[in-house]
N, C-alpha and C. Protein backbone atom coordinates (compact mmCIF):
# COMPACT_ATOMS: atom_id res chain seq x y z
N MET A 1 -16.21 -0.48 -8.56
CA MET A 1 -15.02 -0.96 -9.13
C MET A 1 -14.97 -2.42 -9.24
N THR A 2 -14.65 -2.97 -10.41
CA THR A 2 -14.60 -4.43 -10.57
C THR A 2 -13.26 -4.99 -10.08
N ALA A 3 -13.26 -6.19 -9.70
CA ALA A 3 -12.08 -6.92 -9.22
C ALA A 3 -10.98 -6.90 -10.26
N PRO A 4 -9.67 -6.85 -9.77
CA PRO A 4 -8.61 -6.96 -10.69
C PRO A 4 -8.65 -8.40 -11.31
N LYS A 5 -8.14 -8.42 -12.54
CA LYS A 5 -8.05 -9.77 -13.15
C LYS A 5 -6.72 -10.54 -12.73
N GLU A 6 -5.79 -9.76 -12.14
CA GLU A 6 -4.59 -10.32 -11.65
C GLU A 6 -4.03 -9.54 -10.47
N LEU A 7 -3.52 -10.21 -9.50
CA LEU A 7 -2.71 -9.62 -8.43
C LEU A 7 -1.52 -10.57 -8.40
N ARG A 8 -0.34 -9.93 -8.62
CA ARG A 8 0.87 -10.78 -8.62
C ARG A 8 1.97 -10.15 -7.74
N VAL A 9 2.55 -10.97 -6.84
CA VAL A 9 3.61 -10.51 -6.00
C VAL A 9 4.92 -10.97 -6.70
N SER A 10 5.84 -10.00 -6.70
CA SER A 10 7.19 -10.35 -7.34
C SER A 10 7.96 -11.33 -6.51
N LYS A 11 8.91 -11.97 -7.09
CA LYS A 11 9.68 -13.01 -6.37
C LYS A 11 10.34 -12.46 -5.17
N ASP A 12 10.78 -11.16 -5.16
CA ASP A 12 11.45 -10.66 -3.97
C ASP A 12 10.46 -10.16 -2.93
N ARG A 13 9.17 -10.25 -3.31
CA ARG A 13 8.05 -9.84 -2.36
C ARG A 13 7.98 -8.34 -2.11
N ARG A 14 8.64 -7.57 -3.01
CA ARG A 14 8.66 -6.12 -2.74
C ARG A 14 7.78 -5.29 -3.74
N LEU A 15 7.06 -6.05 -4.57
CA LEU A 15 6.26 -5.31 -5.61
C LEU A 15 5.01 -6.10 -5.87
N LEU A 16 3.84 -5.41 -5.85
CA LEU A 16 2.58 -5.98 -6.19
C LEU A 16 2.13 -5.33 -7.50
N THR A 17 1.89 -6.22 -8.46
CA THR A 17 1.33 -5.82 -9.75
C THR A 17 -0.19 -6.12 -9.76
N VAL A 18 -0.89 -5.06 -10.02
CA VAL A 18 -2.38 -5.16 -9.98
C VAL A 18 -2.88 -4.85 -11.38
N THR A 19 -3.63 -5.76 -12.03
CA THR A 19 -4.17 -5.66 -13.35
C THR A 19 -5.64 -5.59 -13.33
N PHE A 20 -6.20 -4.48 -13.59
CA PHE A 20 -7.69 -4.37 -13.69
C PHE A 20 -8.09 -4.59 -15.17
N PRO A 21 -9.27 -5.14 -15.40
CA PRO A 21 -9.78 -5.22 -16.79
C PRO A 21 -9.66 -3.87 -17.49
N ASP A 22 -9.21 -3.96 -18.75
CA ASP A 22 -9.12 -2.78 -19.67
C ASP A 22 -8.16 -1.60 -19.14
N HIS A 23 -7.21 -2.01 -18.27
CA HIS A 23 -6.22 -1.09 -17.77
C HIS A 23 -4.78 -1.64 -17.91
N GLN A 24 -3.93 -0.77 -17.98
CA GLN A 24 -2.50 -1.22 -17.94
C GLN A 24 -2.25 -1.66 -16.47
N PRO A 25 -1.33 -2.62 -16.26
CA PRO A 25 -1.02 -3.05 -14.87
C PRO A 25 -0.38 -1.95 -14.07
N PHE A 26 -0.72 -1.87 -12.78
CA PHE A 26 -0.10 -0.96 -11.84
C PHE A 26 0.97 -1.76 -11.04
N GLU A 27 2.09 -1.18 -10.88
CA GLU A 27 3.10 -1.73 -10.07
C GLU A 27 3.15 -0.96 -8.78
N LEU A 28 2.87 -1.52 -7.70
CA LEU A 28 2.77 -0.85 -6.43
C LEU A 28 3.88 -1.44 -5.51
N PRO A 29 4.90 -0.63 -5.09
CA PRO A 29 5.87 -1.17 -4.22
C PRO A 29 5.34 -1.46 -2.88
N ALA A 30 5.84 -2.59 -2.21
CA ALA A 30 5.42 -2.95 -0.91
C ALA A 30 5.56 -1.82 0.16
N GLU A 31 6.68 -1.04 -0.06
CA GLU A 31 6.87 0.14 0.96
C GLU A 31 5.71 1.09 0.86
N LEU A 32 5.27 1.40 -0.41
CA LEU A 32 4.14 2.34 -0.58
C LEU A 32 2.85 1.76 0.01
N LEU A 33 2.59 0.46 -0.23
CA LEU A 33 1.41 -0.17 0.24
C LEU A 33 1.39 -0.15 1.78
N ARG A 34 2.51 -0.42 2.42
CA ARG A 34 2.69 -0.40 3.89
C ARG A 34 2.48 0.93 4.48
N VAL A 35 3.09 1.97 3.88
CA VAL A 35 2.99 3.37 4.45
C VAL A 35 1.66 4.02 4.21
N ALA A 36 1.00 3.53 3.15
CA ALA A 36 -0.27 4.04 2.83
C ALA A 36 -1.48 3.16 3.16
N SER A 37 -1.12 2.16 4.02
CA SER A 37 -2.16 1.16 4.46
C SER A 37 -3.48 1.89 4.88
N PRO A 38 -4.53 1.34 4.43
CA PRO A 38 -5.82 1.96 4.81
C PRO A 38 -6.31 1.62 6.23
N SER A 39 -5.37 1.00 7.07
CA SER A 39 -5.78 0.67 8.41
C SER A 39 -5.94 1.88 9.28
N ALA A 40 -6.73 1.76 10.36
CA ALA A 40 -6.82 2.82 11.35
C ALA A 40 -5.55 3.08 12.04
N GLU A 41 -4.65 2.10 12.17
CA GLU A 41 -3.35 2.22 12.74
C GLU A 41 -2.56 3.31 12.03
N VAL A 42 -2.73 3.35 10.71
CA VAL A 42 -1.90 4.28 9.88
C VAL A 42 -2.77 5.50 9.58
N GLN A 43 -3.97 5.33 9.21
CA GLN A 43 -4.92 6.47 8.74
C GLN A 43 -5.51 7.16 9.85
N GLY A 44 -5.62 6.53 11.05
CA GLY A 44 -6.35 7.15 12.10
C GLY A 44 -7.86 7.11 11.85
N HIS A 45 -8.59 7.82 12.62
CA HIS A 45 -9.99 7.97 12.44
C HIS A 45 -10.43 9.31 11.83
N SER A 46 -9.43 10.14 11.58
CA SER A 46 -9.63 11.50 10.93
C SER A 46 -8.26 11.83 10.37
N PRO A 47 -8.25 12.78 9.34
CA PRO A 47 -7.03 13.23 8.78
C PRO A 47 -5.96 13.63 9.76
N GLU A 48 -6.42 14.33 10.87
CA GLU A 48 -5.46 14.76 11.91
C GLU A 48 -4.72 13.65 12.61
N GLN A 49 -5.26 12.45 12.61
CA GLN A 49 -4.75 11.32 13.34
C GLN A 49 -3.83 10.49 12.39
N ARG A 50 -3.74 10.76 11.14
CA ARG A 50 -2.90 10.00 10.20
C ARG A 50 -1.48 9.99 10.69
N VAL A 51 -0.82 8.84 10.49
CA VAL A 51 0.56 8.63 11.06
C VAL A 51 1.51 8.48 9.89
N THR A 52 2.62 9.14 9.92
CA THR A 52 3.72 8.93 9.05
C THR A 52 4.49 7.74 9.45
N VAL A 53 4.60 6.73 8.60
CA VAL A 53 5.28 5.54 8.96
C VAL A 53 6.71 5.55 8.39
N PRO A 54 7.70 5.60 9.31
CA PRO A 54 9.08 5.55 8.76
C PRO A 54 9.66 4.11 8.80
N GLY A 55 10.85 3.95 8.21
CA GLY A 55 11.61 2.72 8.30
C GLY A 55 11.14 1.50 7.54
N LYS A 56 10.38 1.75 6.52
CA LYS A 56 9.82 0.60 5.80
C LYS A 56 10.51 0.40 4.37
N ARG A 57 11.59 0.93 4.20
CA ARG A 57 12.34 0.81 2.90
C ARG A 57 12.34 -0.73 2.40
N ASN A 58 12.69 -1.62 3.32
CA ASN A 58 12.87 -2.99 2.90
C ASN A 58 11.74 -3.92 3.28
N VAL A 59 10.49 -3.38 3.57
CA VAL A 59 9.39 -4.18 3.87
C VAL A 59 8.97 -5.03 2.67
N ALA A 60 8.50 -6.24 3.01
CA ALA A 60 8.06 -7.16 1.99
C ALA A 60 6.65 -7.65 2.25
N ILE A 61 6.07 -8.25 1.31
CA ILE A 61 4.61 -8.78 1.37
C ILE A 61 4.80 -10.29 1.75
N LEU A 62 4.19 -10.68 2.85
CA LEU A 62 4.18 -12.04 3.23
C LEU A 62 3.12 -12.82 2.56
N LYS A 63 1.88 -12.26 2.64
CA LYS A 63 0.78 -12.94 1.95
C LYS A 63 -0.36 -11.88 1.66
N ILE A 64 -1.19 -12.37 0.77
CA ILE A 64 -2.45 -11.61 0.33
C ILE A 64 -3.60 -12.54 0.46
N GLU A 65 -4.67 -12.09 1.15
CA GLU A 65 -5.85 -12.95 1.35
C GLU A 65 -7.07 -12.12 0.90
N PRO A 66 -7.95 -12.80 0.21
CA PRO A 66 -9.20 -12.17 -0.20
C PRO A 66 -10.14 -11.77 0.95
N VAL A 67 -10.77 -10.72 0.81
CA VAL A 67 -11.81 -10.25 1.80
C VAL A 67 -13.04 -10.04 0.96
N GLY A 68 -13.96 -11.00 1.03
CA GLY A 68 -15.16 -10.97 0.23
C GLY A 68 -14.81 -10.94 -1.21
N ASN A 69 -15.61 -10.21 -1.96
CA ASN A 69 -15.34 -9.98 -3.37
C ASN A 69 -15.00 -8.54 -3.71
N TYR A 70 -14.57 -7.81 -2.64
CA TYR A 70 -14.31 -6.43 -2.82
C TYR A 70 -12.89 -5.95 -2.36
N ALA A 71 -12.09 -6.81 -1.85
CA ALA A 71 -10.81 -6.32 -1.28
C ALA A 71 -9.83 -7.49 -0.98
N VAL A 72 -8.62 -7.13 -0.62
CA VAL A 72 -7.62 -8.08 -0.05
C VAL A 72 -7.00 -7.54 1.22
N ARG A 73 -6.58 -8.43 2.12
CA ARG A 73 -5.83 -8.09 3.23
C ARG A 73 -4.36 -8.49 2.92
N ILE A 74 -3.50 -7.46 3.09
CA ILE A 74 -2.06 -7.73 2.76
C ILE A 74 -1.35 -7.83 4.16
N THR A 75 -0.56 -8.94 4.32
CA THR A 75 0.26 -9.07 5.50
C THR A 75 1.65 -8.80 5.13
N PHE A 76 2.29 -7.88 5.85
CA PHE A 76 3.68 -7.52 5.51
C PHE A 76 4.60 -8.21 6.49
N ASP A 77 5.94 -8.18 6.10
CA ASP A 77 6.89 -8.90 7.02
C ASP A 77 7.20 -8.29 8.32
N ASP A 78 6.61 -7.13 8.55
CA ASP A 78 6.66 -6.52 9.88
C ASP A 78 5.42 -6.87 10.71
N PHE A 79 4.59 -7.75 10.09
CA PHE A 79 3.34 -8.32 10.63
C PHE A 79 2.20 -7.41 10.68
N HIS A 80 2.29 -6.21 10.00
CA HIS A 80 1.17 -5.33 9.85
C HIS A 80 0.14 -6.05 8.91
N ASP A 81 -1.08 -6.20 9.36
CA ASP A 81 -2.00 -6.82 8.49
C ASP A 81 -3.42 -6.34 8.70
N THR A 82 -3.64 -5.18 9.27
CA THR A 82 -4.96 -4.66 9.54
C THR A 82 -5.60 -3.82 8.52
N GLY A 83 -4.87 -3.59 7.41
CA GLY A 83 -5.49 -2.75 6.33
C GLY A 83 -6.20 -3.59 5.32
N ILE A 84 -7.42 -3.14 5.03
CA ILE A 84 -8.23 -3.86 4.01
C ILE A 84 -8.13 -2.98 2.69
N PHE A 85 -7.43 -3.50 1.66
CA PHE A 85 -7.22 -2.85 0.47
C PHE A 85 -8.40 -3.16 -0.52
N THR A 86 -9.28 -2.24 -0.62
CA THR A 86 -10.41 -2.43 -1.52
C THR A 86 -9.92 -2.28 -3.00
N TRP A 87 -10.67 -2.78 -3.96
CA TRP A 87 -10.32 -2.67 -5.30
C TRP A 87 -10.17 -1.23 -5.68
N ASN A 88 -11.16 -0.42 -5.19
CA ASN A 88 -11.14 1.11 -5.47
C ASN A 88 -9.85 1.66 -4.89
N TYR A 89 -9.44 1.38 -3.73
CA TYR A 89 -8.29 1.88 -3.16
C TYR A 89 -7.05 1.50 -3.91
N LEU A 90 -6.90 0.23 -4.29
CA LEU A 90 -5.77 -0.21 -5.10
C LEU A 90 -5.69 0.56 -6.40
N HIS A 91 -6.91 0.73 -7.03
CA HIS A 91 -7.03 1.55 -8.30
C HIS A 91 -6.51 2.87 -8.11
N THR A 92 -6.96 3.55 -6.98
CA THR A 92 -6.58 4.93 -6.64
C THR A 92 -5.07 5.05 -6.46
N LEU A 93 -4.52 4.07 -5.67
CA LEU A 93 -3.05 4.10 -5.45
C LEU A 93 -2.38 4.01 -6.74
N GLY A 94 -2.80 3.12 -7.67
CA GLY A 94 -2.17 2.96 -8.98
C GLY A 94 -2.10 4.23 -9.73
N HIS A 95 -3.22 4.93 -9.74
CA HIS A 95 -3.28 6.18 -10.52
C HIS A 95 -2.49 7.33 -9.87
N GLU A 96 -2.47 7.31 -8.50
CA GLU A 96 -1.79 8.46 -7.71
C GLU A 96 -0.53 8.07 -7.18
N LYS A 97 0.09 6.86 -7.66
CA LYS A 97 1.26 6.42 -7.04
C LYS A 97 2.42 7.47 -6.95
N ASP A 98 2.74 8.17 -8.01
CA ASP A 98 3.86 9.12 -7.97
C ASP A 98 3.62 10.32 -7.05
N ALA A 99 2.36 10.83 -7.13
CA ALA A 99 2.01 11.97 -6.22
C ALA A 99 1.99 11.54 -4.73
N ARG A 100 1.51 10.34 -4.42
CA ARG A 100 1.50 9.97 -3.10
C ARG A 100 2.88 9.60 -2.63
N TRP A 101 3.71 9.01 -3.47
CA TRP A 101 5.11 8.77 -3.11
C TRP A 101 5.83 10.04 -2.85
N ASP A 102 5.70 11.03 -3.68
CA ASP A 102 6.41 12.31 -3.47
C ASP A 102 5.99 13.03 -2.15
N ALA A 103 4.61 12.90 -1.90
CA ALA A 103 4.08 13.55 -0.68
C ALA A 103 4.63 12.76 0.58
N TYR A 104 4.76 11.46 0.45
CA TYR A 104 5.28 10.66 1.60
C TYR A 104 6.81 11.06 1.88
N LEU A 105 7.60 11.16 0.83
CA LEU A 105 8.95 11.46 0.98
C LEU A 105 9.10 12.89 1.56
N ALA A 106 8.26 13.88 1.12
CA ALA A 106 8.22 15.21 1.66
C ALA A 106 7.88 15.19 3.12
N GLU A 107 6.86 14.44 3.51
CA GLU A 107 6.45 14.25 4.87
C GLU A 107 7.52 13.71 5.76
N LEU A 108 8.19 12.76 5.31
CA LEU A 108 9.35 12.16 6.08
C LEU A 108 10.43 13.25 6.36
N GLU A 109 10.73 13.89 5.29
CA GLU A 109 11.75 15.01 5.41
C GLU A 109 11.28 16.04 6.43
N GLU A 110 10.10 16.51 6.25
CA GLU A 110 9.51 17.58 7.12
C GLU A 110 9.62 17.10 8.60
N LYS A 111 9.31 15.88 8.85
CA LYS A 111 9.25 15.40 10.23
C LYS A 111 10.54 14.79 10.74
N GLY A 112 11.58 14.88 9.83
CA GLY A 112 12.95 14.36 10.27
C GLY A 112 13.00 12.85 10.41
N LEU A 113 12.19 12.14 9.59
CA LEU A 113 12.10 10.75 9.69
C LEU A 113 12.87 10.17 8.41
N SER A 114 13.04 8.87 8.47
CA SER A 114 13.83 8.20 7.41
C SER A 114 13.12 6.91 6.92
N ARG A 115 13.30 6.55 5.68
CA ARG A 115 12.74 5.34 5.11
C ARG A 115 13.52 4.11 5.72
N ASP A 116 14.70 4.37 6.41
CA ASP A 116 15.50 3.26 6.89
C ASP A 116 15.31 2.96 8.39
N ARG A 117 14.73 3.86 9.11
CA ARG A 117 14.56 3.66 10.55
C ARG A 117 13.32 4.37 11.05
């Protein structure tokens, strides 16, 4: 996967727009990025260890730092910063955004969790 030609954080810090060459821009909400962080803290070391992260409705992006030529590290305002978002992962999130969001909302409901706490 080639690097995006642009990564842009919205003024309110709640949306990341990712533009890959020859693709329409993907708009990825900070909340989705946070709850789908590729970190071991969220994903675990196996599918059984994956954590459902509640209470991130108002999370914002503090900063984005390059990691080599293949990824970025996103720091959120809850100070989570251990996920390395590869270009491939950001591309996948862009294409699967709606399905992943729906699955996240269903998981919250199933576990009795909330986006607000």
